[in-house]
Amino acid sequence: MSAIAIQPTDAGSVYSDSDLNVPADSILLLNDDILDLIIRELVSESKATAFALSQTCRRIRSRCLPMFFKECSLSVLAWARSERFLPRTLWPYVCILRISEWTFEMPTPAADSRSEAIPSETRHSAQCSYDVYPTPYLEVVLAQMPRLRTLIFTAYQRSKPQRMIPWSSIQRTLSLRHPSLEGLVFDLHWLALELLRSEDFVLDEASLALRAFHYTPHKGWALVQQREPTPRPSEARAVELLVERNRPTLERLVLPMYTTPLDQMCSGPIWPNLRELRLRGEYRAVLDSAGFPIPYILAFANMPRLRVLELKLAQPEGLEPKPIWPAGYPAATSWPWPDLTELSVTCPRVDDQIYAHLPSTMRSLTLQYTPHYTDYVWMLAARGSLDGRWQWPLLTASEMLGILRQCRFSALRYLALEYLDDDDEEELLSYVAQAFPQLTSLEVLRCHRTVNVDDSEEWQDPCAFVERICRPIVSLHLRTLALHLDLAETPIPLSPAEFDAPYNDDQLGSFYNVLHQVADRVALIFRPELEEIKLWRPDDYYIYEWRCYEVVRSRDFGTYTR
C-alpha cells in the first residue's frame, strides 16, 4: 500500500471524490471517520504537526478545529479583558471549559456587558465568585457552546481554596437546561460556605440533570498539613442536595469525606447509573438505623453498576482500620459490584474478604496509604510531631503477599503497592510477575523496616541494590514503572525552623544525580516496552513528587534516560 501524500491546496477549496485533480494517494479521499483518527493521533503526538496539517485546506481544518479546542482553559483575567477571551467563532467546538484563577488579587472587570449585571453583594469572608466569575456573562457563554459537556472551576499553584462559589451561581447554571452539559467540577473552591441574601436551598424541578459531580476543595499536601475541616451547615447541605437530586443520573461522583452525606447515600434507593465513586479525606464509619457501624461492602451495595471504587481515606490515630468485608461476616452477603474494574484501598488488611471476591473484570488495584508514609516521615522531621492525628499501620512484604494470593484475577493492568520490607520481599515481587503477567504499569512504595547503616548494599552501590530489587519483575511487559525504594542517600528535611528551605542544596543535588543513575540502570534491565520510569523524590519546596524519566533507546548511544 502506498504512503498517503498530503497535498497542500488553496484554503478555500474542498476536494470531492469526483474531483479529477485529486491524486490517487491523497489524504482527502479518506472518509471523515478515518481522517478523524489520523488527526486525533497527530494531535496526541505532535500538536505542531497537526496545526500544520490544518492549514492545508478547508475540509481538514474543519476536522481539526473540534479536536484543537475540545478542551479549553481560560484564566479569570479573560473575564475582565474581552481581548483575552476565547473568540466566539471557537465556542461551538468546546466540550470541556476550565476556568481558572491564577492570582490572589483579581482585576476589576471592565465596564462592558459582562460586568453590568454583577450583584453588589457584601463580600463574604471567603470572597464570592461574583467578582471573579460573573454569572450573567457565564450564562451567555454556556448558551453558545452547544457541545459543552463539562464545566470546571479551578485554581492553580494552590492546595487550599481561597474563593467560594455561591449557591445562586449553581442554581442559575443548572437552570439553563443546556442540551449537552452534564458535568460540574469545583476544584480548590469552596461550595456555598454560607447563604447570601435572598438565597435558598432549592433547585428548579426542571434543573439540569448531572452525570458527573466533582467537589475537591483541598488537594495534595494540604490534607497532610491540616486536619480534616468541619463542613459548615450550608456547605454540607449544598453537597447533599446536589448529590441526592441527581441520584438517578449520576455516573461519576468525587467528594471529600467530610462533606459526603454517607448515611443518605447508603440508606436511600438504588443508584441506577453510578459507575465511579471516589471518596477522599479521613475515614468515617457508616451507621445503621440503630447507630452501629456497618461495613462498606453493605454500605455501598446499592450501587450495583459500580466500576471504580476509590477510598483514599486517612486512618485516624487510635481507631483500628476496618476491613471492607470483615472476616466471618454473614455468608448471605453477596458480591454487589459484578463489573468492578478499579479498586483503591487505604490501610489494607490481610483478613479482608474482599480480595478473594474481586471479579475477573479487575484492571487496576491500589493498596497504598493516604497520605503516603513518606509524607508522614517528611512532616515528622519538619514539624517534630503530628499531634497524634493519623496512623500508618504498614503491612510487611509478607502480609502484602498474603493479600495478593487471595486475588483470583490475572488481567490486571495497573498495580500500586506500599509496604515495609522484610525477608519475603523478593517472593512478593516474583509473585506479582507470575500472577499478573499483563501488567503495563507498576507502582511500588517501599519503606525500610530498619535504619540504614553505612555499610549496607544500597549505600555502597545504590544501582546494584535497585537492580537486585527489580530482578523479579523484569519479565513484565511494563510501559511505566514508578518506584520509591527508600534509598539510604535520601535527604532528610532540616529542622522546623528552616521549613522554607527544607533541604540542604548540596545533598539534594547529589541525590538527584544518584536517582538519574538508578533510572539508567533500571532502563537497561527491563524489556524494550518500558517507556517511562518514575522515581519518588523530595522536592525543593513541596513534600515529595514523582521525577519522570523518559527511556531512550538509541542505536548510537544505547539505552539511557532523560
Protein backbone atom coordinates (compact mmCIF):
# COMPACT_ATOMS: atom_id res chain seq x y z
CA MET A 1 0.00 0.00 0.00
CA SER A 2 1.47 3.33 -1.00
CA ALA A 3 2.01 6.06 1.56
CA ILE A 4 -0.64 8.73 1.86
CA ALA A 5 0.51 12.04 0.47
CA ILE A 6 -0.66 15.32 1.95
CA GLN A 7 -1.19 17.69 -0.94
CA PRO A 8 -1.41 21.39 0.04
CA THR A 9 -4.32 23.15 -1.59
CA ASP A 10 -5.90 26.54 -1.64
CA ALA A 11 -7.53 27.28 1.72
CA GLY A 12 -10.85 27.96 0.08
CA SER A 13 -11.10 24.77 -1.96
CA VAL A 14 -12.69 21.50 -0.95
CA TYR A 15 -11.94 18.22 -2.74
CA SER A 16 -14.66 15.75 -3.60
CA ASP A 17 -14.27 12.13 -4.65
CA SER A 18 -15.11 13.06 -8.23
CA ASP A 19 -12.54 15.85 -8.48
CA LEU A 20 -10.12 14.75 -11.22
CA ASN A 21 -7.38 16.91 -9.72
CA VAL A 22 -7.18 14.84 -6.55
CA PRO A 23 -4.17 12.46 -6.67
CA ALA A 24 -4.99 8.80 -6.16
CA ASP A 25 -3.00 8.72 -2.91
CA SER A 26 -4.36 11.98 -1.46
CA ILE A 27 -5.46 12.04 2.15
CA LEU A 28 -8.57 13.92 1.03
CA LEU A 29 -10.02 10.73 -0.46
CA LEU A 30 -10.38 9.28 3.05
CA ASN A 31 -13.78 9.43 4.69
CA ASP A 32 -14.32 11.60 7.76
CA ASP A 33 -14.03 8.76 10.27
CA ILE A 34 -10.57 7.70 9.07
CA LEU A 35 -9.48 11.31 8.72
CA ASP A 36 -10.55 11.98 12.31
CA LEU A 37 -8.49 9.01 13.55
CA ILE A 38 -5.39 10.34 11.79
CA ILE A 39 -5.88 13.87 13.11
CA ARG A 40 -6.56 12.61 16.64
CA GLU A 41 -3.31 10.64 16.58
CA LEU A 42 -1.41 13.66 15.29
CA VAL A 43 -2.86 15.91 17.99
CA SER A 44 -1.77 13.48 20.71
CA GLU A 45 1.74 13.06 19.27
CA SER A 46 2.59 16.49 17.90
CA LYS A 47 0.27 19.47 18.01
CA ALA A 48 2.63 21.43 15.78
CA THR A 49 2.31 18.82 13.04
CA ALA A 50 -1.46 18.73 13.43
CA PHE A 51 -1.60 22.52 13.23
CA ALA A 52 0.44 22.48 10.01
CA LEU A 53 -1.92 19.87 8.56
CA SER A 54 -4.94 22.02 9.47
CA GLN A 55 -3.68 24.79 7.19
CA THR A 56 -3.69 22.68 4.03
CA CYS A 57 -7.39 23.05 3.13
CA ARG A 58 -10.80 23.93 4.48
CA ARG A 59 -12.03 20.36 4.89
CA ILE A 60 -9.07 19.26 7.00
CA ARG A 61 -9.27 22.45 9.02
CA SER A 62 -12.93 21.78 9.75
CA ARG A 63 -11.98 18.32 11.07
CA CYS A 64 -9.10 19.71 13.17
CA LEU A 65 -10.89 22.53 14.97
CA PRO A 66 -13.12 20.30 17.18
CA MET A 67 -10.01 18.46 18.38
CA PHE A 68 -7.87 21.56 18.87
CA PHE A 69 -10.49 23.28 21.00
CA LYS A 70 -12.25 20.31 22.58
CA GLU A 71 -10.78 21.34 25.94
CA CYS A 72 -10.07 24.99 26.73
CA SER A 73 -8.55 26.59 29.80
CA LEU A 74 -9.24 30.26 30.50
CA SER A 75 -7.77 32.45 33.20
CA VAL A 76 -10.21 34.64 35.07
CA LEU A 77 -8.34 37.55 33.53
CA ALA A 78 -10.23 36.68 30.35
CA TRP A 79 -13.48 37.71 32.01
CA ALA A 80 -12.11 41.16 32.70
CA ARG A 81 -10.43 41.73 29.33
CA SER A 82 -12.51 40.89 26.29
CA GLU A 83 -9.47 40.75 24.01
CA ARG A 84 -8.15 37.77 26.01
CA PHE A 85 -11.38 35.79 25.94
CA LEU A 86 -11.87 32.85 23.61
CA PRO A 87 -13.18 34.13 20.23
CA ARG A 88 -16.87 33.46 19.67
CA THR A 89 -16.14 31.56 16.45
CA LEU A 90 -14.47 28.84 18.54
CA TRP A 91 -17.20 28.48 21.15
CA PRO A 92 -19.12 25.78 19.20
CA TYR A 93 -16.12 23.40 19.44
CA VAL A 94 -15.60 23.48 23.22
CA CYS A 95 -16.54 20.31 25.13
CA ILE A 96 -14.63 20.96 28.37
CA LEU A 97 -14.32 24.52 29.70
CA ARG A 98 -11.84 25.05 32.53
CA ILE A 99 -12.00 28.47 34.19
CA SER A 100 -9.04 29.01 36.47
CA GLU A 101 -7.97 31.59 38.99
CA TRP A 102 -4.27 32.37 38.71
CA THR A 103 -3.75 35.30 41.04
CA PHE A 104 -4.73 36.17 44.58
CA GLU A 105 -5.98 39.66 43.71
CA MET A 106 -8.23 39.87 40.70
CA PRO A 107 -8.56 42.96 38.48
CA THR A 108 -11.77 44.92 38.44
CA PRO A 109 -13.84 43.82 35.43
CA ALA A 110 -14.04 46.27 32.57
CA ALA A 111 -17.24 48.25 32.14
CA ASP A 112 -18.84 46.12 29.46
CA SER A 113 -21.86 43.84 29.18
CA ARG A 114 -20.28 41.08 31.22
CA SER A 115 -19.92 43.19 34.38
CA GLU A 116 -23.05 45.35 34.32
CA ALA A 117 -25.25 42.72 35.94
CA ILE A 118 -22.85 41.64 38.70
CA PRO A 119 -24.76 41.86 42.01
CA SER A 120 -23.32 44.23 44.60
CA GLU A 121 -23.27 41.62 47.38
CA THR A 122 -21.47 42.21 50.63
CA ARG A 123 -18.14 40.45 50.36
CA HIS A 124 -18.01 37.11 52.12
CA SER A 125 -15.01 36.19 54.24
CA ALA A 126 -14.14 33.59 51.60
CA GLN A 127 -14.75 36.05 48.74
CA CYS A 128 -17.60 35.04 46.46
CA SER A 129 -17.16 34.21 42.84
CA TYR A 130 -19.33 37.12 41.67
CA ASP A 131 -16.31 39.39 41.33
CA VAL A 132 -14.26 36.67 39.62
CA TYR A 133 -16.69 34.65 37.51
CA PRO A 134 -19.55 36.99 36.51
CA THR A 135 -22.52 34.64 36.42
CA PRO A 136 -24.69 36.54 33.87
CA TYR A 137 -21.92 36.56 31.27
CA LEU A 138 -21.14 32.92 32.01
CA GLU A 139 -24.74 32.11 31.10
CA VAL A 140 -24.26 33.83 27.72
CA VAL A 141 -21.09 31.84 27.07
CA LEU A 142 -22.61 28.47 28.03
CA ALA A 143 -25.67 29.07 25.87
CA GLN A 144 -23.45 29.44 22.80
CA MET A 145 -21.33 26.34 23.42
CA PRO A 146 -23.62 23.59 22.11
CA ARG A 147 -21.04 20.80 22.60
CA LEU A 148 -20.07 21.74 26.15
CA ARG A 149 -20.16 18.71 28.44
CA THR A 150 -18.08 19.65 31.49
CA LEU A 151 -17.63 22.97 33.31
CA ILE A 152 -14.64 23.20 35.67
CA PHE A 153 -13.81 25.90 38.21
CA THR A 154 -10.26 25.56 39.49
CA ALA A 155 -7.21 27.41 40.78
CA TYR A 156 -3.53 26.94 40.02
CA GLN A 157 -0.50 26.94 42.30
CA ARG A 158 -2.56 26.28 45.39
CA SER A 159 -3.57 23.39 47.61
CA LYS A 160 -6.25 25.22 49.60
CA PRO A 161 -9.29 27.18 48.37
CA GLN A 162 -9.49 30.97 48.51
CA ARG A 163 -12.85 31.59 46.82
CA MET A 164 -16.42 30.45 47.26
CA ILE A 165 -18.92 29.54 44.55
CA PRO A 166 -22.26 30.96 45.77
CA TRP A 167 -25.31 28.73 45.75
CA SER A 168 -27.16 31.12 43.43
CA SER A 169 -24.43 30.65 40.78
CA ILE A 170 -25.05 26.90 40.87
CA GLN A 171 -28.80 27.42 40.68
CA ARG A 172 -28.53 29.62 37.62
CA THR A 173 -26.08 27.30 35.87
CA LEU A 174 -28.33 24.26 36.40
CA SER A 175 -31.44 26.19 35.36
CA LEU A 176 -30.00 26.84 31.88
CA ARG A 177 -31.12 23.38 30.72
CA HIS A 178 -28.06 23.20 28.50
CA PRO A 179 -28.53 20.47 25.85
CA SER A 180 -25.19 18.74 26.49
CA LEU A 181 -23.77 20.00 29.82
CA GLU A 182 -23.55 17.00 32.14
CA GLY A 183 -20.63 17.57 34.50
CA LEU A 184 -19.72 20.16 37.15
CA VAL A 185 -16.29 20.28 38.80
CA PHE A 186 -15.47 22.57 41.74
CA ASP A 187 -11.74 22.24 42.30
CA LEU A 188 -9.95 24.26 45.00
CA HIS A 189 -13.08 26.33 45.60
CA TRP A 190 -15.49 26.22 48.50
CA LEU A 191 -19.08 25.48 47.71
CA ALA A 192 -21.71 27.72 49.36
CA LEU A 193 -19.97 28.14 52.72
CA GLU A 194 -22.97 30.23 53.73
CA LEU A 195 -26.06 31.56 52.03
CA LEU A 196 -26.02 35.09 50.70
CA ARG A 197 -29.01 37.40 50.85
CA SER A 198 -32.13 36.14 49.08
CA GLU A 199 -30.61 32.66 48.51
CA ASP A 200 -32.46 29.48 49.43
CA PHE A 201 -31.56 25.80 49.09
CA VAL A 202 -33.95 24.90 46.29
CA LEU A 203 -33.48 23.60 42.77
CA ASP A 204 -35.92 24.05 39.92
CA GLU A 205 -37.75 20.83 39.08
CA ALA A 206 -36.53 21.22 35.51
CA SER A 207 -32.91 21.83 36.52
CA LEU A 208 -30.16 20.19 34.54
CA ALA A 209 -29.55 16.53 35.44
CA LEU A 210 -25.87 15.91 36.13
CA ARG A 211 -23.95 12.78 35.16
CA ALA A 212 -20.73 13.87 36.89
CA PHE A 213 -20.15 15.93 40.03
CA HIS A 214 -16.67 16.56 41.48
CA TYR A 215 -16.07 18.58 44.63
CA THR A 216 -12.40 18.74 45.69
CA PRO A 217 -11.78 21.88 47.78
CA HIS A 218 -8.41 20.63 49.08
CA LYS A 219 -5.59 18.83 47.32
CA GLY A 220 -2.29 17.12 47.89
CA TRP A 221 -0.20 18.19 50.84
CA ALA A 222 -2.93 20.47 52.21
CA LEU A 223 -4.58 17.33 53.59
CA VAL A 224 -1.28 16.40 55.24
CA GLN A 225 -0.65 19.79 56.80
CA GLN A 226 -4.04 20.47 58.31
CA ARG A 227 -6.75 18.48 59.97
CA GLU A 228 -9.83 17.44 58.04
CA PRO A 229 -12.08 20.54 58.07
CA THR A 230 -15.54 20.51 59.59
CA PRO A 231 -18.18 21.40 57.00
CA ARG A 232 -20.34 24.42 57.52
CA PRO A 233 -24.04 23.53 57.56
CA SER A 234 -24.69 25.31 54.27
CA GLU A 235 -21.74 23.58 52.56
CA ALA A 236 -22.90 20.14 53.70
CA ARG A 237 -26.49 20.94 52.70
CA ALA A 238 -25.44 22.11 49.22
CA VAL A 239 -23.47 18.91 48.57
CA GLU A 240 -26.29 16.73 49.91
CA LEU A 241 -28.89 18.46 47.75
CA LEU A 242 -26.80 18.18 44.58
CA VAL A 243 -25.98 14.53 45.22
CA GLU A 244 -29.46 13.38 46.17
CA ARG A 245 -31.18 15.40 43.44
CA ASN A 246 -29.01 13.77 40.79
CA ARG A 247 -29.03 10.23 42.21
CA PRO A 248 -30.94 8.82 39.18
CA THR A 249 -28.46 10.20 36.62
CA LEU A 250 -25.04 10.46 38.31
CA GLU A 251 -22.34 8.24 36.82
CA ARG A 252 -19.24 9.80 38.41
CA LEU A 253 -19.06 11.20 41.94
CA VAL A 254 -15.94 12.62 43.62
CA LEU A 255 -16.27 14.08 47.13
CA PRO A 256 -14.22 14.98 50.21
CA MET A 257 -15.22 12.66 53.02
CA TYR A 258 -16.06 15.50 55.41
CA THR A 259 -18.97 16.69 53.23
CA THR A 260 -20.11 13.29 51.96
CA PRO A 261 -23.69 12.53 53.04
CA LEU A 262 -22.79 8.90 53.76
CA ASP A 263 -25.91 7.90 55.67
CA GLN A 264 -28.24 9.30 52.99
CA MET A 265 -26.23 7.82 50.13
CA CYS A 266 -26.11 4.34 51.64
CA SER A 267 -29.61 4.11 53.06
CA GLY A 268 -31.57 5.50 50.13
CA PRO A 269 -32.74 3.81 46.94
CA ILE A 270 -30.55 2.17 44.30
CA TRP A 271 -28.07 4.29 42.38
CA PRO A 272 -29.08 3.09 38.91
CA ASN A 273 -26.20 4.59 36.92
CA LEU A 274 -23.32 5.30 39.33
CA ARG A 275 -20.15 3.79 37.88
CA GLU A 276 -17.42 5.75 39.65
CA LEU A 277 -17.23 6.69 43.34
CA ARG A 278 -14.13 8.43 44.70
CA LEU A 279 -14.02 9.46 48.37
CA ARG A 280 -11.01 11.29 49.82
CA GLY A 281 -10.13 12.59 53.24
CA GLU A 282 -10.43 10.95 56.67
CA TYR A 283 -12.12 7.63 57.38
CA ARG A 284 -15.71 7.77 58.58
CA ALA A 285 -17.94 4.87 59.51
CA VAL A 286 -21.40 4.35 58.04
CA LEU A 287 -24.01 3.83 60.77
CA ASP A 288 -27.20 1.82 60.57
CA SER A 289 -30.55 2.99 61.96
CA ALA A 290 -29.54 1.82 65.45
CA GLY A 291 -26.27 3.74 65.35
CA PHE A 292 -23.99 0.74 64.81
CA PRO A 293 -21.28 0.80 62.12
CA ILE A 294 -21.79 -1.34 59.05
CA PRO A 295 -19.01 -2.44 56.66
CA TYR A 296 -18.57 -0.67 53.34
CA ILE A 297 -19.44 -3.86 51.43
CA LEU A 298 -23.02 -3.38 52.64
CA ALA A 299 -22.99 0.41 52.79
CA PHE A 300 -22.31 0.71 49.05
CA ALA A 301 -24.29 -2.34 47.99
CA ASN A 302 -26.98 -0.06 46.48
CA MET A 303 -24.55 0.85 43.68
CA PRO A 304 -24.79 -2.30 41.50
CA ARG A 305 -23.18 -0.75 38.37
CA LEU A 306 -20.07 0.47 40.19
CA ARG A 307 -16.86 0.02 38.20
CA VAL A 308 -14.49 2.30 40.13
CA LEU A 309 -14.30 2.47 43.93
CA GLU A 310 -11.58 4.73 45.32
CA LEU A 311 -11.32 5.05 49.09
CA LYS A 312 -8.34 7.33 49.79
CA LEU A 313 -9.10 7.75 53.47
CA ALA A 314 -6.53 8.61 56.14
CA GLN A 315 -6.76 6.42 59.23
CA PRO A 316 -7.36 8.39 62.48
CA GLU A 317 -4.98 7.62 65.34
CA GLY A 318 -6.46 5.26 67.93
CA LEU A 319 -9.03 3.77 65.55
CA GLU A 320 -8.37 0.28 64.24
CA PRO A 321 -8.54 0.05 60.42
CA LYS A 322 -11.77 -1.60 59.34
CA PRO A 323 -11.95 -4.20 56.54
CA ILE A 324 -14.34 -3.52 53.67
CA TRP A 325 -15.71 -7.06 54.03
CA PRO A 326 -14.97 -8.33 57.56
CA ALA A 327 -13.99 -11.97 58.02
CA GLY A 328 -16.87 -14.08 59.25
CA TYR A 329 -19.49 -11.64 58.06
CA PRO A 330 -22.81 -13.36 57.23
CA ALA A 331 -22.37 -15.85 54.38
CA ALA A 332 -25.53 -14.48 52.78
CA THR A 333 -23.61 -11.36 51.80
CA SER A 334 -23.31 -11.41 48.01
CA TRP A 335 -20.84 -9.58 45.81
CA PRO A 336 -22.54 -6.24 44.94
CA TRP A 337 -20.30 -4.94 42.09
CA PRO A 338 -20.04 -7.52 39.27
CA ASP A 339 -18.46 -5.02 36.84
CA LEU A 340 -15.79 -3.59 39.18
CA THR A 341 -12.58 -2.78 37.31
CA GLU A 342 -10.72 -0.45 39.70
CA LEU A 343 -10.31 -0.59 43.48
CA SER A 344 -8.21 1.68 45.72
CA VAL A 345 -7.94 0.83 49.42
CA THR A 346 -6.18 2.69 52.22
CA CYS A 347 -4.91 0.62 55.17
CA PRO A 348 -5.48 -2.81 53.56
CA ARG A 349 -5.92 -5.81 55.87
CA VAL A 350 -4.95 -9.41 55.22
CA ASP A 351 -8.18 -10.67 56.82
CA ASP A 352 -10.39 -8.60 54.50
CA GLN A 353 -12.58 -10.97 52.46
CA ILE A 354 -12.97 -8.51 49.61
CA TYR A 355 -9.76 -9.62 47.84
CA ALA A 356 -10.95 -13.22 47.48
CA HIS A 357 -14.19 -12.00 45.86
CA LEU A 358 -12.84 -9.42 43.39
CA PRO A 359 -14.16 -10.27 39.90
CA SER A 360 -12.18 -11.18 36.80
CA THR A 361 -13.04 -7.75 35.38
CA MET A 362 -10.42 -6.10 37.63
CA ARG A 363 -7.88 -3.96 35.76
CA SER A 364 -6.50 -1.67 38.50
CA LEU A 365 -5.68 -2.33 42.17
CA THR A 366 -4.16 0.19 44.59
CA LEU A 367 -3.09 -0.88 48.09
CA GLN A 368 -1.44 2.25 49.49
CA TYR A 369 -1.83 4.65 52.39
CA THR A 370 -3.32 8.14 52.46
CA PRO A 371 -1.26 10.21 52.94
CA HIS A 372 1.72 8.09 51.94
CA TYR A 373 4.07 7.00 54.70
CA THR A 374 6.79 9.08 53.03
CA ASP A 375 4.65 12.16 53.65
CA TYR A 376 4.41 11.21 57.32
CA VAL A 377 8.19 10.86 57.61
CA TRP A 378 8.69 14.24 55.96
CA MET A 379 6.17 16.04 58.15
CA LEU A 380 7.51 14.37 61.29
CA ALA A 381 11.03 15.60 60.53
CA ALA A 382 9.86 19.08 59.51
CA ARG A 383 7.44 19.68 62.38
CA GLY A 384 8.73 17.45 65.13
CA SER A 385 5.29 15.86 65.69
CA LEU A 386 1.88 15.46 64.09
CA ASP A 387 -0.14 15.70 67.30
CA GLY A 388 -1.28 12.06 67.13
CA ARG A 389 -3.51 12.77 64.18
CA TRP A 390 -3.27 9.77 61.87
CA GLN A 391 -1.63 6.35 61.84
CA TRP A 392 0.17 4.24 59.26
CA PRO A 393 -0.19 0.53 60.15
CA LEU A 394 2.14 -0.50 57.31
CA LEU A 395 1.86 -4.07 56.07
CA THR A 396 5.08 -6.00 55.62
CA ALA A 397 6.01 -7.51 52.27
CA SER A 398 4.91 -10.95 53.53
CA GLU A 399 1.49 -9.57 54.59
CA MET A 400 1.06 -7.85 51.23
CA LEU A 401 1.89 -11.18 49.59
CA GLY A 402 -0.90 -12.75 51.66
CA ILE A 403 -3.39 -10.26 50.20
CA LEU A 404 -2.33 -10.75 46.58
CA ARG A 405 -2.51 -14.54 46.91
CA GLN A 406 -6.22 -14.20 47.66
CA CYS A 407 -6.86 -12.46 44.32
CA ARG A 408 -8.31 -14.63 41.55
CA PHE A 409 -7.86 -12.41 38.51
CA SER A 410 -4.94 -12.21 36.10
CA ALA A 411 -5.83 -9.45 33.61
CA LEU A 412 -4.68 -6.63 35.89
CA ARG A 413 -3.07 -3.70 34.02
CA TYR A 414 -2.17 -1.40 36.94
CA LEU A 415 -0.93 -2.32 40.43
CA ALA A 416 0.21 0.06 43.21
CA LEU A 417 1.68 -1.23 46.48
CA GLU A 418 3.06 0.34 49.66
CA TYR A 419 4.73 -1.91 52.23
CA LEU A 420 7.50 -2.41 54.77
CA ASP A 421 10.39 -4.51 53.50
CA ASP A 422 11.13 -7.92 55.06
CA ASP A 423 12.67 -11.27 54.08
CA ASP A 424 9.74 -12.09 51.76
CA GLU A 425 10.09 -9.00 49.56
CA GLU A 426 11.71 -10.89 46.68
CA GLU A 427 8.97 -13.52 46.86
CA LEU A 428 6.32 -10.79 46.80
CA LEU A 429 7.70 -9.19 43.63
CA SER A 430 8.18 -12.60 41.99
CA TYR A 431 4.54 -13.40 42.71
CA VAL A 432 3.47 -10.07 41.17
CA ALA A 433 5.21 -11.00 37.91
CA GLN A 434 3.77 -14.52 37.97
CA ALA A 435 0.17 -13.72 38.97
CA PHE A 436 -0.33 -10.56 36.90
CA PRO A 437 1.56 -11.08 33.62
CA GLN A 438 -0.48 -8.45 31.76
CA LEU A 439 0.64 -5.54 33.95
CA THR A 440 1.65 -2.46 31.96
CA SER A 441 2.06 -0.11 34.93
CA LEU A 442 3.51 -0.90 38.36
CA GLU A 443 3.98 1.45 41.32
CA VAL A 444 5.94 0.36 44.39
CA LEU A 445 6.41 2.49 47.51
CA ARG A 446 8.89 0.54 49.61
CA CYS A 447 9.74 1.58 53.15
CA HIS A 448 12.58 0.38 55.34
CA ARG A 449 11.97 -1.81 58.33
CA THR A 450 15.25 -0.75 60.00
CA VAL A 451 17.54 2.26 59.94
CA ASN A 452 20.11 2.19 57.16
CA VAL A 453 23.76 1.66 58.01
CA ASP A 454 26.74 2.97 56.12
CA ASP A 455 27.96 -0.47 55.09
CA SER A 456 24.64 -1.55 53.59
CA GLU A 457 24.48 -2.61 49.95
CA GLU A 458 22.30 0.33 48.94
CA TRP A 459 24.71 2.83 50.46
CA GLN A 460 27.77 1.29 48.82
CA ASP A 461 26.17 0.74 45.40
CA PRO A 462 22.57 2.00 45.10
CA CYS A 463 22.36 0.98 41.43
CA ALA A 464 23.27 -2.63 42.20
CA PHE A 465 20.77 -2.59 45.08
CA VAL A 466 17.96 -1.34 42.83
CA GLU A 467 18.83 -3.90 40.18
CA ARG A 468 18.54 -6.68 42.76
CA ILE A 469 15.15 -5.38 43.88
CA CYS A 470 13.86 -5.16 40.31
CA ARG A 471 15.14 -8.51 39.04
CA PRO A 472 11.96 -10.45 39.99
CA ILE A 473 9.76 -8.19 37.82
CA VAL A 474 11.90 -7.70 34.69
CA SER A 475 9.83 -10.28 32.81
CA LEU A 476 6.78 -7.96 32.88
CA HIS A 477 5.94 -6.00 29.72
CA LEU A 478 5.75 -2.71 31.62
CA ARG A 479 5.34 0.65 29.95
CA THR A 480 5.55 2.64 33.19
CA LEU A 481 7.45 1.77 36.38
CA ALA A 482 7.19 4.00 39.47
CA LEU A 483 9.44 3.33 42.46
CA HIS A 484 10.15 4.65 45.92
CA LEU A 485 12.93 2.46 47.31
CA ASP A 486 13.76 4.50 50.42
CA LEU A 487 17.43 4.74 49.46
CA ALA A 488 19.98 5.45 52.17
CA GLU A 489 21.06 8.67 50.44
CA THR A 490 17.57 10.21 50.56
CA PRO A 491 17.98 13.68 52.14
CA ILE A 492 16.33 14.25 55.50
CA PRO A 493 14.38 17.51 56.00
CA LEU A 494 16.02 20.15 58.14
CA SER A 495 14.57 21.42 61.39
CA PRO A 496 11.11 23.04 61.52
CA ALA A 497 12.73 26.46 61.91
CA GLU A 498 14.14 26.09 58.39
CA PHE A 499 10.91 24.93 56.78
CA ASP A 500 11.12 27.49 53.95
CA ALA A 501 14.31 25.74 52.78
CA PRO A 502 13.70 22.17 53.96
CA TYR A 503 16.73 20.53 52.32
CA ASN A 504 20.43 21.07 52.03
CA ASP A 505 21.02 22.05 48.38
CA ASP A 506 24.21 20.01 48.04
CA GLN A 507 22.58 16.87 49.44
CA LEU A 508 19.56 17.36 47.22
CA GLY A 509 21.67 17.81 44.08
CA SER A 510 23.80 14.77 44.91
CA PHE A 511 20.68 12.66 45.47
CA TYR A 512 19.17 13.74 42.14
CA ASN A 513 22.35 12.52 40.43
CA VAL A 514 22.02 9.16 42.16
CA LEU A 515 18.38 8.90 41.02
CA HIS A 516 19.38 9.52 37.41
CA GLN A 517 21.97 6.75 37.63
CA VAL A 518 19.33 4.46 39.13
CA ALA A 519 16.92 5.29 36.29
CA ASP A 520 19.60 4.46 33.71
CA ARG A 521 20.25 1.09 35.35
CA VAL A 522 16.54 0.23 35.54
CA ALA A 523 16.10 1.12 31.84
CA LEU A 524 18.88 -1.30 30.91
CA ILE A 525 17.48 -4.36 32.67
CA PHE A 526 13.82 -4.08 31.62
CA ARG A 527 12.17 -5.07 28.37
CA PRO A 528 12.06 -2.64 25.42
CA GLU A 529 8.39 -1.85 26.11
CA LEU A 530 9.38 0.28 29.12
CA GLU A 531 8.77 3.92 28.17
CA GLU A 532 8.83 5.83 31.45
CA ILE A 533 10.45 5.48 34.86
CA LYS A 534 9.18 7.49 37.83
CA LEU A 535 11.25 7.83 40.98
CA TRP A 536 9.81 9.25 44.20
CA ARG A 537 11.97 12.13 45.41
CA PRO A 538 11.92 15.05 47.85
CA ASP A 539 11.35 18.37 46.15
CA ASP A 540 12.88 21.74 46.85
CA TYR A 541 9.67 23.02 48.46
CA TYR A 542 6.80 20.52 48.30
CA ILE A 543 6.81 17.25 50.18
CA TYR A 544 7.57 14.63 47.56
CA GLU A 545 6.98 14.31 43.85
CA TRP A 546 7.49 11.87 41.02
CA ARG A 547 10.55 12.59 38.93
CA CYS A 548 9.76 11.25 35.46
CA TYR A 549 12.49 9.84 33.21
CA GLU A 550 11.84 9.06 29.58
CA VAL A 551 13.53 5.87 28.36
CA VAL A 552 15.50 6.47 25.17
CA ARG A 553 16.77 3.56 23.06
CA SER A 554 19.32 4.71 20.51
CA ARG A 555 21.34 2.64 18.07
CA ASP A 556 24.28 5.02 18.51
CA PHE A 557 24.16 5.73 22.25
CA GLY A 558 22.41 2.66 23.65
CA THR A 559 19.69 2.80 26.31
CA TYR A 560 19.54 5.76 28.68
CA THR A 561 17.04 8.08 30.37
CA ARG A 562 16.43 11.82 30.19
